[in-house]
């Protein structure tokens, strides 16, 4: 099985709880920090097994399922693509100064991952740092 991934890390002042509550836990906030998303909704609270519907600004519509979850710290959502699956891992860890370290990884796995990497990879890699800064800005704006 082929796999491609891109990761970005950012250390910021807002505490993990602020990033989690104001940016990650509320799917309606996702378009405010992820410029690639036009609309997003969850079928309930963010939790293991929850399903999200995301409409990207390109017009692409995908259903994601939360496949990894630790309240206030981590969630990974995945969607199926023809011949592959795409996922986004969102990890928030506290820093010694009381801030947050955000580590986001977008990955594509499967037989057709090399093709999907060419289609989705460059935009995904470019968008991660901006999305992280926007999530931090959203968390800090309410302080």
N, C-alpha and C. Protein backbone atom coordinates (compact mmCIF):
# COMPACT_ATOMS: atom_id res chain seq x y z
N UNK A 1 0.85 -1.17 0.00
CA UNK A 1 0.00 0.00 0.00
C UNK A 1 0.89 1.24 0.00
N UNK A 2 0.54 2.18 -0.80
CA UNK A 2 1.31 3.41 -0.92
C UNK A 2 0.75 4.46 0.05
N UNK A 3 1.65 5.32 0.55
CA UNK A 3 1.23 6.37 1.48
C UNK A 3 2.03 7.63 1.19
N UNK A 4 1.33 8.76 1.25
CA UNK A 4 1.95 10.08 1.17
C UNK A 4 1.40 10.90 2.32
N UNK A 5 2.25 11.76 2.89
CA UNK A 5 1.76 12.65 3.94
C UNK A 5 2.56 13.94 3.96
N UNK A 6 1.94 14.95 4.52
CA UNK A 6 2.59 16.23 4.76
C UNK A 6 2.21 16.66 6.17
N UNK A 7 3.17 17.22 6.90
CA UNK A 7 2.96 17.61 8.29
C UNK A 7 3.44 19.04 8.50
N UNK A 8 2.72 19.75 9.35
CA UNK A 8 3.12 21.10 9.76
C UNK A 8 2.94 21.21 11.26
N UNK A 9 3.88 21.89 11.92
CA UNK A 9 3.80 22.11 13.37
C UNK A 9 3.92 23.60 13.65
N UNK A 10 3.22 24.05 14.67
CA UNK A 10 3.21 25.46 15.05
C UNK A 10 3.09 25.55 16.57
N UNK A 11 3.93 26.38 17.18
CA UNK A 11 3.83 26.67 18.61
C UNK A 11 3.20 28.05 18.73
N UNK A 12 2.20 28.15 19.61
CA UNK A 12 1.44 29.40 19.74
C UNK A 12 1.04 29.65 21.18
N UNK A 13 0.63 30.89 21.46
CA UNK A 13 0.29 31.30 22.82
C UNK A 13 -1.02 30.76 23.38
N UNK A 14 -2.11 30.69 22.61
CA UNK A 14 -3.36 30.23 23.22
C UNK A 14 -3.24 28.82 23.80
N UNK A 15 -3.88 28.57 24.92
CA UNK A 15 -3.82 27.23 25.52
C UNK A 15 -4.57 26.21 24.66
N UNK A 16 -4.22 24.93 24.81
CA UNK A 16 -4.88 23.90 24.01
C UNK A 16 -6.41 23.92 24.07
N UNK A 17 -6.97 24.16 25.24
CA UNK A 17 -8.42 24.16 25.38
C UNK A 17 -9.07 25.22 24.50
N UNK A 18 -8.44 26.37 24.36
CA UNK A 18 -9.00 27.44 23.53
C UNK A 18 -9.00 27.04 22.06
N UNK A 19 -7.90 26.44 21.60
CA UNK A 19 -7.83 26.00 20.20
C UNK A 19 -8.87 24.91 19.95
N UNK A 20 -8.94 23.97 20.87
CA UNK A 20 -9.88 22.85 20.72
C UNK A 20 -11.32 23.36 20.65
N UNK A 21 -11.71 24.17 21.63
CA UNK A 21 -13.11 24.60 21.74
C UNK A 21 -13.51 25.58 20.65
N UNK A 22 -12.63 26.51 20.30
CA UNK A 22 -13.02 27.58 19.37
C UNK A 22 -12.74 27.27 17.91
N UNK A 23 -11.84 26.32 17.66
CA UNK A 23 -11.50 26.02 16.28
C UNK A 23 -11.84 24.58 15.87
N UNK A 24 -11.53 23.61 16.70
CA UNK A 24 -11.65 22.21 16.28
C UNK A 24 -12.99 21.57 16.62
N UNK A 25 -13.51 21.75 17.81
CA UNK A 25 -14.70 21.02 18.25
C UNK A 25 -15.97 21.44 17.52
N UNK A 26 -16.01 22.64 16.99
CA UNK A 26 -17.19 23.18 16.32
C UNK A 26 -16.97 23.15 14.81
N UNK A 27 -17.62 22.21 14.13
CA UNK A 27 -17.43 22.07 12.67
C UNK A 27 -17.82 23.34 11.92
N UNK A 28 -18.77 24.08 12.44
CA UNK A 28 -19.16 25.32 11.76
C UNK A 28 -18.03 26.35 11.77
N UNK A 29 -17.06 26.20 12.67
CA UNK A 29 -15.90 27.10 12.71
C UNK A 29 -14.82 26.68 11.72
N UNK A 30 -14.86 25.46 11.22
CA UNK A 30 -13.79 24.97 10.35
C UNK A 30 -13.54 25.87 9.14
N UNK A 31 -14.58 26.39 8.45
CA UNK A 31 -14.29 27.28 7.31
C UNK A 31 -13.62 28.59 7.72
N UNK A 32 -13.71 28.95 9.00
CA UNK A 32 -13.08 30.20 9.46
C UNK A 32 -11.57 30.04 9.63
N UNK A 33 -11.08 28.82 9.78
CA UNK A 33 -9.63 28.64 9.89
C UNK A 33 -9.05 27.83 8.74
N UNK A 34 -9.88 27.14 7.97
CA UNK A 34 -9.38 26.38 6.83
C UNK A 34 -9.93 27.01 5.55
N UNK A 35 -9.11 27.74 4.85
CA UNK A 35 -9.53 28.48 3.65
C UNK A 35 -9.99 27.56 2.52
N UNK A 36 -9.70 26.28 2.60
CA UNK A 36 -10.12 25.33 1.56
C UNK A 36 -11.58 24.91 1.72
N UNK A 37 -12.16 25.14 2.90
CA UNK A 37 -13.51 24.66 3.22
C UNK A 37 -14.54 25.77 3.03
N UNK A 38 -15.61 25.45 2.30
CA UNK A 38 -16.74 26.38 2.15
C UNK A 38 -17.76 26.16 3.26
N UNK A 39 -18.08 24.88 3.56
CA UNK A 39 -19.05 24.54 4.60
C UNK A 39 -18.65 23.21 5.25
N UNK A 40 -18.98 23.09 6.53
CA UNK A 40 -18.73 21.82 7.23
C UNK A 40 -19.81 21.62 8.28
N UNK A 41 -20.17 20.37 8.51
CA UNK A 41 -21.12 20.04 9.56
C UNK A 41 -20.78 18.67 10.12
N UNK A 42 -21.13 18.48 11.37
CA UNK A 42 -20.97 17.19 12.05
C UNK A 42 -22.35 16.64 12.36
N UNK A 43 -22.47 15.31 12.41
CA UNK A 43 -23.75 14.69 12.73
C UNK A 43 -24.03 14.65 14.23
N UNK A 44 -23.20 15.28 15.02
CA UNK A 44 -23.33 15.33 16.47
C UNK A 44 -22.06 15.95 17.01
N UNK A 45 -21.77 15.74 18.29
CA UNK A 45 -20.52 16.30 18.82
C UNK A 45 -19.30 15.60 18.21
N UNK A 46 -18.18 16.31 18.22
CA UNK A 46 -16.93 15.74 17.76
C UNK A 46 -16.56 14.60 18.70
N UNK A 47 -16.51 13.38 18.16
CA UNK A 47 -16.24 12.18 18.95
C UNK A 47 -15.84 11.06 18.00
N UNK A 48 -15.31 9.98 18.55
CA UNK A 48 -14.95 8.83 17.75
C UNK A 48 -16.18 8.33 17.01
N UNK A 49 -16.06 8.13 15.70
CA UNK A 49 -17.16 7.63 14.89
C UNK A 49 -18.07 8.72 14.32
N UNK A 50 -17.92 9.96 14.78
CA UNK A 50 -18.75 11.04 14.26
C UNK A 50 -18.49 11.21 12.76
N UNK A 51 -19.52 11.64 12.05
CA UNK A 51 -19.37 11.88 10.62
C UNK A 51 -19.48 13.36 10.31
N UNK A 52 -18.62 13.82 9.44
CA UNK A 52 -18.63 15.21 9.01
C UNK A 52 -18.90 15.25 7.52
N UNK A 53 -19.61 16.28 7.12
CA UNK A 53 -19.81 16.57 5.69
C UNK A 53 -19.08 17.87 5.41
N UNK A 54 -18.21 17.82 4.43
CA UNK A 54 -17.41 19.00 4.11
C UNK A 54 -17.58 19.31 2.63
N UNK A 55 -17.85 20.57 2.35
CA UNK A 55 -17.89 21.07 0.98
C UNK A 55 -16.69 22.00 0.84
N UNK A 56 -15.81 21.63 -0.07
CA UNK A 56 -14.62 22.44 -0.31
C UNK A 56 -14.94 23.54 -1.31
N UNK A 57 -14.16 24.59 -1.29
CA UNK A 57 -14.38 25.71 -2.21
C UNK A 57 -14.22 25.30 -3.67
N UNK A 58 -13.54 24.20 -3.92
CA UNK A 58 -13.41 23.69 -5.28
C UNK A 58 -14.70 23.04 -5.77
N UNK A 59 -15.65 22.80 -4.85
CA UNK A 59 -16.88 22.11 -5.19
C UNK A 59 -16.87 20.65 -4.75
N UNK A 60 -15.70 20.12 -4.43
CA UNK A 60 -15.59 18.74 -3.95
C UNK A 60 -16.37 18.59 -2.65
N UNK A 61 -17.17 17.54 -2.58
CA UNK A 61 -17.95 17.23 -1.37
C UNK A 61 -17.51 15.86 -0.87
N UNK A 62 -17.11 15.81 0.40
CA UNK A 62 -16.68 14.55 0.99
C UNK A 62 -17.33 14.35 2.34
N UNK A 63 -17.54 13.08 2.67
CA UNK A 63 -17.98 12.69 4.01
C UNK A 63 -16.77 12.12 4.72
N UNK A 64 -16.53 12.63 5.90
CA UNK A 64 -15.40 12.16 6.72
C UNK A 64 -15.95 11.48 7.97
N UNK A 65 -15.19 10.52 8.47
CA UNK A 65 -15.51 9.85 9.73
C UNK A 65 -14.33 10.06 10.67
N UNK A 66 -14.62 10.36 11.93
CA UNK A 66 -13.57 10.52 12.94
C UNK A 66 -13.11 9.12 13.33
N UNK A 67 -11.84 8.81 13.04
CA UNK A 67 -11.30 7.47 13.26
C UNK A 67 -10.33 7.41 14.43
N UNK A 68 -9.97 8.56 14.97
CA UNK A 68 -9.06 8.64 16.13
C UNK A 68 -9.50 9.85 16.93
N UNK A 69 -9.62 9.69 18.25
CA UNK A 69 -10.15 10.79 19.05
C UNK A 69 -9.67 10.71 20.49
N UNK A 70 -9.17 11.84 21.00
CA UNK A 70 -8.88 12.04 22.42
C UNK A 70 -9.39 13.43 22.75
N UNK A 71 -10.40 13.52 23.58
CA UNK A 71 -11.05 14.79 23.91
C UNK A 71 -10.03 15.86 24.29
N UNK A 72 -10.13 17.00 23.62
CA UNK A 72 -9.29 18.14 23.93
C UNK A 72 -7.86 18.04 23.43
N UNK A 73 -7.51 16.94 22.76
CA UNK A 73 -6.12 16.73 22.35
C UNK A 73 -5.93 16.32 20.90
N UNK A 74 -6.79 15.43 20.39
CA UNK A 74 -6.52 14.80 19.10
C UNK A 74 -7.80 14.35 18.42
N UNK A 75 -7.88 14.62 17.11
CA UNK A 75 -8.85 13.90 16.29
C UNK A 75 -8.29 13.75 14.88
N UNK A 76 -8.63 12.60 14.29
CA UNK A 76 -8.26 12.31 12.91
C UNK A 76 -9.53 11.97 12.16
N UNK A 77 -9.73 12.65 11.03
CA UNK A 77 -10.89 12.33 10.19
C UNK A 77 -10.40 11.76 8.87
N UNK A 78 -11.16 10.80 8.34
CA UNK A 78 -10.79 10.15 7.08
C UNK A 78 -11.99 10.10 6.15
N UNK A 79 -11.68 10.11 4.85
CA UNK A 79 -12.69 9.97 3.81
C UNK A 79 -12.15 9.03 2.75
N UNK A 80 -13.07 8.38 2.05
CA UNK A 80 -12.67 7.49 0.96
C UNK A 80 -12.59 8.27 -0.35
N UNK A 81 -11.58 7.94 -1.10
CA UNK A 81 -11.41 8.41 -2.48
C UNK A 81 -11.33 7.16 -3.34
N UNK A 82 -11.59 7.23 -4.63
CA UNK A 82 -11.41 6.04 -5.46
C UNK A 82 -9.97 5.52 -5.34
N UNK A 83 -9.83 4.30 -4.84
CA UNK A 83 -8.53 3.67 -4.73
C UNK A 83 -7.65 4.15 -3.60
N UNK A 84 -8.20 4.96 -2.70
CA UNK A 84 -7.40 5.48 -1.59
C UNK A 84 -8.32 6.07 -0.51
N UNK A 85 -7.69 6.50 0.56
CA UNK A 85 -8.41 7.27 1.58
C UNK A 85 -7.53 8.44 1.98
N UNK A 86 -8.19 9.53 2.34
CA UNK A 86 -7.48 10.74 2.75
C UNK A 86 -7.84 11.02 4.20
N UNK A 87 -6.86 11.47 4.96
CA UNK A 87 -7.11 11.78 6.36
C UNK A 87 -6.39 13.04 6.79
N UNK A 88 -6.90 13.62 7.88
CA UNK A 88 -6.28 14.80 8.47
C UNK A 88 -6.23 14.57 9.98
N UNK A 89 -5.01 14.54 10.50
CA UNK A 89 -4.77 14.34 11.93
C UNK A 89 -4.50 15.70 12.56
N UNK A 90 -5.27 16.05 13.60
CA UNK A 90 -5.16 17.33 14.32
C UNK A 90 -4.73 17.02 15.74
N UNK A 91 -3.53 17.39 16.12
CA UNK A 91 -2.99 17.12 17.45
C UNK A 91 -2.66 18.44 18.12
N UNK A 92 -3.12 18.61 19.36
CA UNK A 92 -2.80 19.80 20.16
C UNK A 92 -2.15 19.32 21.45
N UNK A 93 -0.95 19.85 21.74
CA UNK A 93 -0.25 19.50 22.97
C UNK A 93 0.10 20.78 23.72
N UNK A 94 0.08 20.72 25.04
CA UNK A 94 0.47 21.91 25.81
C UNK A 94 1.97 22.14 25.75
N UNK A 95 2.37 23.40 25.80
CA UNK A 95 3.78 23.75 25.90
C UNK A 95 4.08 24.10 27.35
N UNK A 96 5.35 24.15 27.70
CA UNK A 96 5.74 24.49 29.07
C UNK A 96 5.29 25.89 29.47
N UNK A 97 5.14 26.77 28.48
CA UNK A 97 4.75 28.15 28.77
C UNK A 97 3.23 28.32 28.89
N UNK A 98 2.47 27.23 28.73
CA UNK A 98 1.02 27.31 28.83
C UNK A 98 0.33 27.48 27.49
N UNK A 99 1.11 27.54 26.43
CA UNK A 99 0.55 27.65 25.09
C UNK A 99 0.28 26.29 24.48
N UNK A 100 0.24 26.26 23.16
CA UNK A 100 -0.09 25.04 22.42
C UNK A 100 0.95 24.74 21.36
N UNK A 101 1.10 23.46 21.08
CA UNK A 101 1.86 23.01 19.91
C UNK A 101 0.86 22.25 19.05
N UNK A 102 0.58 22.79 17.88
CA UNK A 102 -0.33 22.15 16.93
C UNK A 102 0.50 21.37 15.93
N UNK A 103 0.16 20.11 15.72
CA UNK A 103 0.79 19.29 14.71
C UNK A 103 -0.33 18.72 13.84
N UNK A 104 -0.33 19.11 12.59
CA UNK A 104 -1.36 18.66 11.65
C UNK A 104 -0.71 17.86 10.55
N UNK A 105 -1.31 16.72 10.23
CA UNK A 105 -0.81 15.84 9.18
C UNK A 105 -1.96 15.50 8.25
N UNK A 106 -1.77 15.73 6.97
CA UNK A 106 -2.70 15.27 5.95
C UNK A 106 -2.02 14.10 5.24
N UNK A 107 -2.77 13.01 5.05
CA UNK A 107 -2.19 11.84 4.41
C UNK A 107 -3.16 11.24 3.40
N UNK A 108 -2.59 10.51 2.45
CA UNK A 108 -3.36 9.74 1.49
C UNK A 108 -2.74 8.35 1.46
N UNK A 109 -3.59 7.32 1.62
CA UNK A 109 -3.14 5.92 1.62
C UNK A 109 -3.96 5.12 0.63
N UNK A 110 -3.30 4.17 -0.01
CA UNK A 110 -4.02 3.25 -0.88
C UNK A 110 -3.30 3.05 -2.19
N UNK A 111 -3.84 2.15 -3.00
CA UNK A 111 -3.21 1.81 -4.27
C UNK A 111 -3.06 3.01 -5.19
N UNK A 112 -4.03 3.93 -5.17
CA UNK A 112 -3.97 5.11 -6.04
C UNK A 112 -3.46 6.36 -5.33
N UNK A 113 -2.83 6.18 -4.16
CA UNK A 113 -2.30 7.33 -3.41
C UNK A 113 -1.34 8.18 -4.24
N UNK A 114 -0.47 7.59 -5.07
CA UNK A 114 0.43 8.44 -5.87
C UNK A 114 -0.32 9.39 -6.81
N UNK A 115 -1.43 8.94 -7.35
CA UNK A 115 -2.23 9.80 -8.23
C UNK A 115 -2.90 10.89 -7.42
N UNK A 116 -3.53 10.52 -6.29
CA UNK A 116 -4.20 11.52 -5.44
C UNK A 116 -3.20 12.51 -4.85
N UNK A 117 -1.99 12.05 -4.59
CA UNK A 117 -0.94 12.96 -4.10
C UNK A 117 -0.70 14.07 -5.11
N UNK A 118 -0.63 13.71 -6.38
CA UNK A 118 -0.41 14.72 -7.42
C UNK A 118 -1.58 15.68 -7.54
N UNK A 119 -2.79 15.17 -7.33
CA UNK A 119 -3.99 16.00 -7.46
C UNK A 119 -4.18 16.89 -6.22
N UNK A 120 -4.04 16.32 -5.04
CA UNK A 120 -4.37 17.02 -3.79
C UNK A 120 -3.17 17.48 -2.98
N UNK A 121 -2.04 16.84 -3.16
CA UNK A 121 -0.88 17.07 -2.31
C UNK A 121 -0.35 18.49 -2.26
N UNK A 122 -0.08 19.13 -3.40
CA UNK A 122 0.50 20.48 -3.34
C UNK A 122 -0.38 21.48 -2.59
N UNK A 123 -1.67 21.46 -2.84
CA UNK A 123 -2.57 22.40 -2.15
C UNK A 123 -2.65 22.06 -0.66
N UNK A 124 -2.67 20.77 -0.33
CA UNK A 124 -2.73 20.36 1.08
C UNK A 124 -1.50 20.84 1.83
N UNK A 125 -0.33 20.65 1.24
CA UNK A 125 0.91 21.06 1.88
C UNK A 125 0.97 22.58 2.07
N UNK A 126 0.51 23.32 1.08
CA UNK A 126 0.52 24.79 1.18
C UNK A 126 -0.48 25.30 2.21
N UNK A 127 -1.61 24.62 2.35
CA UNK A 127 -2.69 25.13 3.20
C UNK A 127 -2.47 24.90 4.70
N UNK A 128 -1.71 23.89 5.07
CA UNK A 128 -1.58 23.56 6.50
C UNK A 128 -1.06 24.70 7.38
N UNK A 129 0.06 25.34 7.06
CA UNK A 129 0.54 26.42 7.94
C UNK A 129 -0.45 27.57 8.08
N UNK A 130 -1.10 27.95 6.98
CA UNK A 130 -2.09 29.03 7.06
C UNK A 130 -3.28 28.62 7.92
N UNK A 131 -3.73 27.38 7.78
CA UNK A 131 -4.85 26.89 8.58
C UNK A 131 -4.49 26.88 10.07
N UNK A 132 -3.28 26.47 10.39
CA UNK A 132 -2.85 26.48 11.79
C UNK A 132 -2.85 27.90 12.35
N UNK A 133 -2.28 28.84 11.62
CA UNK A 133 -2.24 30.23 12.09
C UNK A 133 -3.66 30.79 12.27
N UNK A 134 -4.56 30.43 11.35
CA UNK A 134 -5.94 30.92 11.45
C UNK A 134 -6.65 30.28 12.65
N UNK A 135 -6.41 29.00 12.93
CA UNK A 135 -7.02 28.34 14.09
C UNK A 135 -6.54 29.00 15.39
N UNK A 136 -5.26 29.31 15.44
CA UNK A 136 -4.69 29.99 16.60
C UNK A 136 -5.30 31.39 16.73
N UNK A 137 -5.44 32.08 15.61
CA UNK A 137 -6.05 33.41 15.64
C UNK A 137 -7.49 33.37 16.12
N UNK A 138 -8.23 32.36 15.72
CA UNK A 138 -9.60 32.18 16.18
C UNK A 138 -9.63 31.92 17.68
N UNK A 139 -8.72 31.10 18.16
CA UNK A 139 -8.64 30.81 19.59
C UNK A 139 -8.26 32.04 20.39
N UNK A 140 -7.34 32.82 19.88
CA UNK A 140 -6.86 34.01 20.59
C UNK A 140 -7.87 35.14 20.56
N UNK A 141 -8.69 35.21 19.53
CA UNK A 141 -9.64 36.31 19.37
C UNK A 141 -10.67 36.39 20.48
N UNK A 142 -10.94 35.27 21.11
CA UNK A 142 -11.97 35.24 22.15
C UNK A 142 -11.40 35.42 23.55
N UNK A 143 -10.08 35.54 23.64
CA UNK A 143 -9.45 35.70 24.97
C UNK A 143 -9.68 37.09 25.53
